[in-house]
Structure formats: structure tokens, C-alpha cells
Protein backbone atom coordinates (compact mmCIF):
# COMPACT_ATOMS: atom_id res chain seq x y z
CA ASN A 1 16.45 4.64 -8.64
CA VAL A 2 15.93 6.35 -5.50
CA ASP A 3 19.93 5.93 -4.44
CA GLN A 4 23.57 5.68 -6.02
CA ASN A 5 23.23 1.94 -6.57
CA PHE A 6 22.23 -0.09 -10.03
CA ASP A 7 18.80 -0.74 -11.09
CA HIS A 8 20.22 -3.89 -12.49
CA TYR A 9 23.42 -6.17 -11.62
CA ASP A 10 25.01 -9.56 -10.90
CA VAL A 11 27.52 -10.90 -8.36
CA GLU A 12 29.48 -13.71 -8.34
CA CYS A 13 31.05 -14.73 -4.59
CA THR A 14 33.38 -17.28 -4.31
CA PHE A 15 34.39 -19.21 -1.18
CA ALA A 16 37.56 -20.81 0.16
CA ASP A 17 36.21 -24.05 -0.24
CA GLY A 18 35.22 -23.01 -4.28
CA ALA A 19 31.62 -22.75 -3.41
CA LYS A 20 29.85 -20.37 -5.06
CA LEU A 21 27.05 -17.79 -4.72
CA PHE A 22 25.38 -15.93 -7.23
CA ILE A 23 23.38 -12.71 -6.78
CA TYR A 24 21.20 -10.70 -9.69
CA VAL A 25 19.48 -7.99 -8.83
CA ARG A 26 16.84 -6.23 -11.17
CA ALA A 27 15.14 -3.09 -9.67
CA MET A 28 13.53 -1.34 -12.31
CA ALA A 29 10.33 0.45 -12.56
CA GLY A 30 7.35 -1.16 -14.29
CA CYS A 31 9.87 -4.45 -14.54
CA ARG A 32 8.76 -7.81 -12.31
CA GLY A 33 10.37 -7.53 -9.18
CA GLU A 34 11.46 -10.58 -6.96
CA PHE A 35 13.70 -10.54 -3.80
CA ALA A 36 14.10 -14.24 -3.03
CA SER A 37 16.79 -16.98 -2.50
CA TYR A 38 17.39 -20.12 -4.91
CA ALA A 39 19.91 -22.94 -4.82
CA HIS A 40 20.72 -25.33 -7.39
CA GLY A 41 22.66 -28.34 -7.31
CA THR A 42 23.32 -31.96 -9.35
CA LYS A 43 20.35 -33.27 -7.73
CA GLY A 44 17.78 -30.62 -7.37
CA ALA A 45 17.06 -27.27 -6.12
CA ALA A 46 15.70 -25.47 -3.35
CA VAL A 47 14.14 -21.96 -2.53
CA ILE A 48 16.17 -20.67 0.26
CA SER A 49 13.47 -17.92 1.02
CA THR A 50 10.96 -15.78 -0.83
CA HIS A 51 8.95 -12.51 -0.17
CA MET A 52 12.01 -10.56 1.52
CA HIS A 53 13.19 -13.64 3.87
CA THR A 54 9.89 -13.60 5.57
CA PRO A 55 8.17 -16.19 5.63
CA ALA A 56 11.10 -17.66 3.53
CA LYS A 57 8.61 -20.65 2.66
CA CYS A 58 11.96 -22.58 2.20
CA ARG A 59 11.22 -26.21 -0.04
CA ILE A 60 13.49 -28.55 -1.56
CA TYR A 61 12.83 -29.99 -5.23
CA LYS A 62 14.01 -33.31 -6.78
CA SER A 63 14.57 -31.35 -9.82
CA HIS A 64 15.30 -28.11 -11.34
CA ASP A 65 11.54 -28.06 -11.69
CA PHE A 66 9.84 -26.24 -9.16
CA ALA A 67 6.45 -27.74 -9.58
CA ARG A 68 4.64 -29.46 -6.70
CA ALA A 69 5.05 -33.05 -8.16
CA ASN A 70 8.85 -32.50 -7.83
CA LEU A 71 8.44 -31.40 -3.81
CA THR A 72 10.46 -33.41 -1.79
CA TRP A 73 10.21 -31.21 1.70
CA ALA A 74 8.82 -27.70 2.82
CA PHE A 75 9.23 -26.19 5.74
CA PRO A 76 5.89 -26.40 7.74
CA GLN A 77 3.75 -23.23 7.74
CA PRO A 78 2.96 -21.06 9.29
CA GLU A 79 6.45 -20.55 9.95
CA PRO A 80 7.60 -18.19 12.83
CA ASN A 81 9.02 -14.51 11.93
CA PRO A 82 12.98 -14.65 11.80
CA TYR A 83 13.00 -11.26 13.39
CA GLN A 84 10.92 -12.63 16.53
CA LEU A 85 12.92 -15.63 16.71
CA GLU A 86 16.16 -13.21 16.90
CA TRP A 87 14.73 -11.42 19.78
CA ASP A 88 13.28 -14.50 21.49
CA HIS A 89 16.56 -15.91 21.49
CA LEU A 90 18.57 -12.96 22.71
CA ILE A 91 16.00 -12.63 25.45
CA ASP A 92 16.10 -16.29 26.42
CA ALA A 93 20.17 -15.80 26.72
CA ILE A 94 19.82 -13.25 29.19
CA ARG A 95 16.77 -14.79 31.37
CA ASN A 96 19.35 -17.94 31.63
CA ASP A 97 22.98 -16.00 31.74
CA THR A 98 23.96 -18.22 28.68
CA PRO A 99 25.84 -17.09 25.97
CA PHE A 100 24.90 -15.01 22.84
CA ASN A 101 26.60 -12.98 20.60
CA GLU A 102 26.17 -12.51 17.33
CA ALA A 103 28.54 -9.69 16.61
CA LYS A 104 30.46 -11.68 14.06
CA ARG A 105 28.53 -13.34 11.91
CA GLY A 106 26.48 -9.77 11.45
CA SER A 107 29.73 -7.93 11.20
CA GLU A 108 30.79 -10.67 8.58
CA ALA A 109 27.69 -10.84 6.50
CA SER A 110 27.84 -7.22 6.20
CA LEU A 111 31.28 -6.84 5.16
CA VAL A 112 30.37 -9.67 2.18
CA THR A 113 27.46 -7.25 1.07
CA ALA A 114 30.24 -4.28 1.24
CA MET A 115 32.39 -6.49 -1.01
CA ALA A 116 29.72 -7.21 -3.28
CA ARG A 117 28.53 -3.24 -3.59
CA ARG A 118 32.32 -2.35 -4.38
CA ALA A 119 32.49 -5.20 -6.80
CA VAL A 120 29.58 -3.95 -8.78
CA HIS A 121 30.29 -0.49 -8.52
CA THR A 122 33.92 -0.63 -9.77
CA GLY A 123 33.90 -3.84 -11.57
CA GLN A 124 36.79 -5.31 -10.17
CA MET A 125 37.38 -8.26 -8.15
CA VAL A 126 37.48 -7.64 -4.07
CA THR A 127 38.37 -10.19 -1.88
CA TYR A 128 37.57 -10.31 2.06
CA ASP A 129 41.21 -8.93 2.78
CA GLU A 130 40.67 -6.14 0.42
CA MET A 131 37.59 -5.06 1.73
CA LEU A 132 38.62 -5.20 5.84
CA ASN A 133 41.58 -2.79 4.30
CA CYS A 134 39.78 -0.69 2.54
CA GLU A 135 40.21 3.13 2.98
CA GLU A 136 36.94 4.45 0.63
CA GLU A 137 34.14 5.78 3.21
CA PHE A 138 30.98 4.41 1.71
CA ALA A 139 29.13 7.08 3.58
CA HIS A 140 31.17 9.92 4.33
CA ASP A 141 31.19 11.39 7.95
CA VAL A 142 28.45 8.90 9.03
CA ASP A 143 29.65 9.25 12.63
CA ARG A 144 28.92 12.73 12.24
CA LEU A 145 25.68 12.33 11.03
CA THR A 146 22.23 13.43 12.34
CA ALA A 147 18.86 14.09 11.33
CA ASP A 148 19.91 17.64 9.95
CA SER A 149 22.60 17.10 8.54
CA PRO A 150 22.85 17.20 4.70
CA ALA A 151 22.52 14.16 2.94
CA PRO A 152 25.73 12.35 2.52
CA VAL A 153 25.62 12.64 -1.26
CA ARG A 154 24.80 15.54 -2.78
CA ALA A 155 24.36 16.60 -6.73
CA GLY A 156 27.20 18.24 -8.35
CA THR A 157 27.32 22.04 -9.90
CA ASP A 158 25.78 20.16 -13.23
CA GLY A 159 22.67 18.97 -10.76
CA LEU A 160 23.68 15.71 -11.49
CA TYR A 161 24.27 13.15 -8.50
CA PRO A 162 27.33 10.94 -8.71
CA ALA A 163 27.20 7.43 -9.73
CA PRO A 164 29.21 4.57 -10.46
CA GLN A 165 31.90 3.68 -13.59
CA PRO A 166 32.39 0.09 -13.21
CA GLY A 167 35.68 -0.28 -15.32
CA PHE A 168 36.71 3.23 -15.72
CA LEU A 169 36.77 4.01 -11.86
CA LYS A 170 38.19 1.03 -10.60
CA ASP A 171 39.72 2.16 -7.12
CA ARG A 172 36.10 4.14 -5.92
CA GLU A 173 32.72 3.53 -6.46
CA TYR A 174 32.29 7.37 -7.78
């Protein structure tokens, strides 16, 4: 592993309406890797995205078996690059003087990832409001970080880097 994150973990996100999102990660050397999102419901399943989200290759199946015979819909290929689409939408808004602001959506998406990280690293349930009011710095002195700064996380006197200890360190990552 190249950072302080675990090489495998799972997260359960519960939304206000009771909907759930389950995240499972395995990033271990020598193991099969996959970066994709799936949805399973009572009437079938869907591939939300594959291959690092671009191309997403979104598709819907009439069962939980992702066999071609069960395919009911697929986004036409080749699909546009989502990162290019973001730029296209921004430039279009500038040229046409129309409102375009994804700050709220972007900041909330980032907050949810921080919630998941904190939950994984502490072993505790983390709410939206708790994360908004969390005083722990995930990257100490990031406002003063430069290319010449020492690494934000450094090895201790024993030569080892700090690591999360879920269930033991419940109020901070490490």
C-alpha cells in the first residue's frame, strides 16, 4: 500500500430516505482489482460505471445475472468523456452567460468521501453533521503545503508510519 489507507475495507452509507450505498474496496498487490459501481434492486441490477468511471459502460439487466441475454438497456457506445463534458458545460455557461455552479454538489460529494474514510479508520458511525463539525485535520497544515514541504505524514522514531486502528482510536485516524 502506498498511503495510510487500508488495502481493503467496506462502508455502508445510509441516506435520509433509508436508501443505502455499500462500498467495498480491495487494493492489494497480486489480487484482482476492480474500480466499478453496481446497483441491485428487487427487479434487476445495473452497472453504474466501470473502468474508473470512464467509459462508464452503464447498463441495466432484468435480473441479477449480468448475462447479455438479460440486458434491457445500455448507454450507446462510444460514450462521451465525462471530464470533457464538465468542461463543455462550463464553457457553454460562460459563453451564454448562464448560471453554472457545481460547488455545492462537489463539496457534498467530497464530504461524503471524508465521512467514509473517517468511519473506516475509526470503526465508528459518522454522520453528515459530525463530519461538518469535525476538528481533526486529515492533512495537517495543508494550507501551507508546498512542493518543498516535508511529507504531511512522516515515520515515527521507530521508522514506522502511523496507521489507523479502528475500534481503538475512535476519535482520530491515527
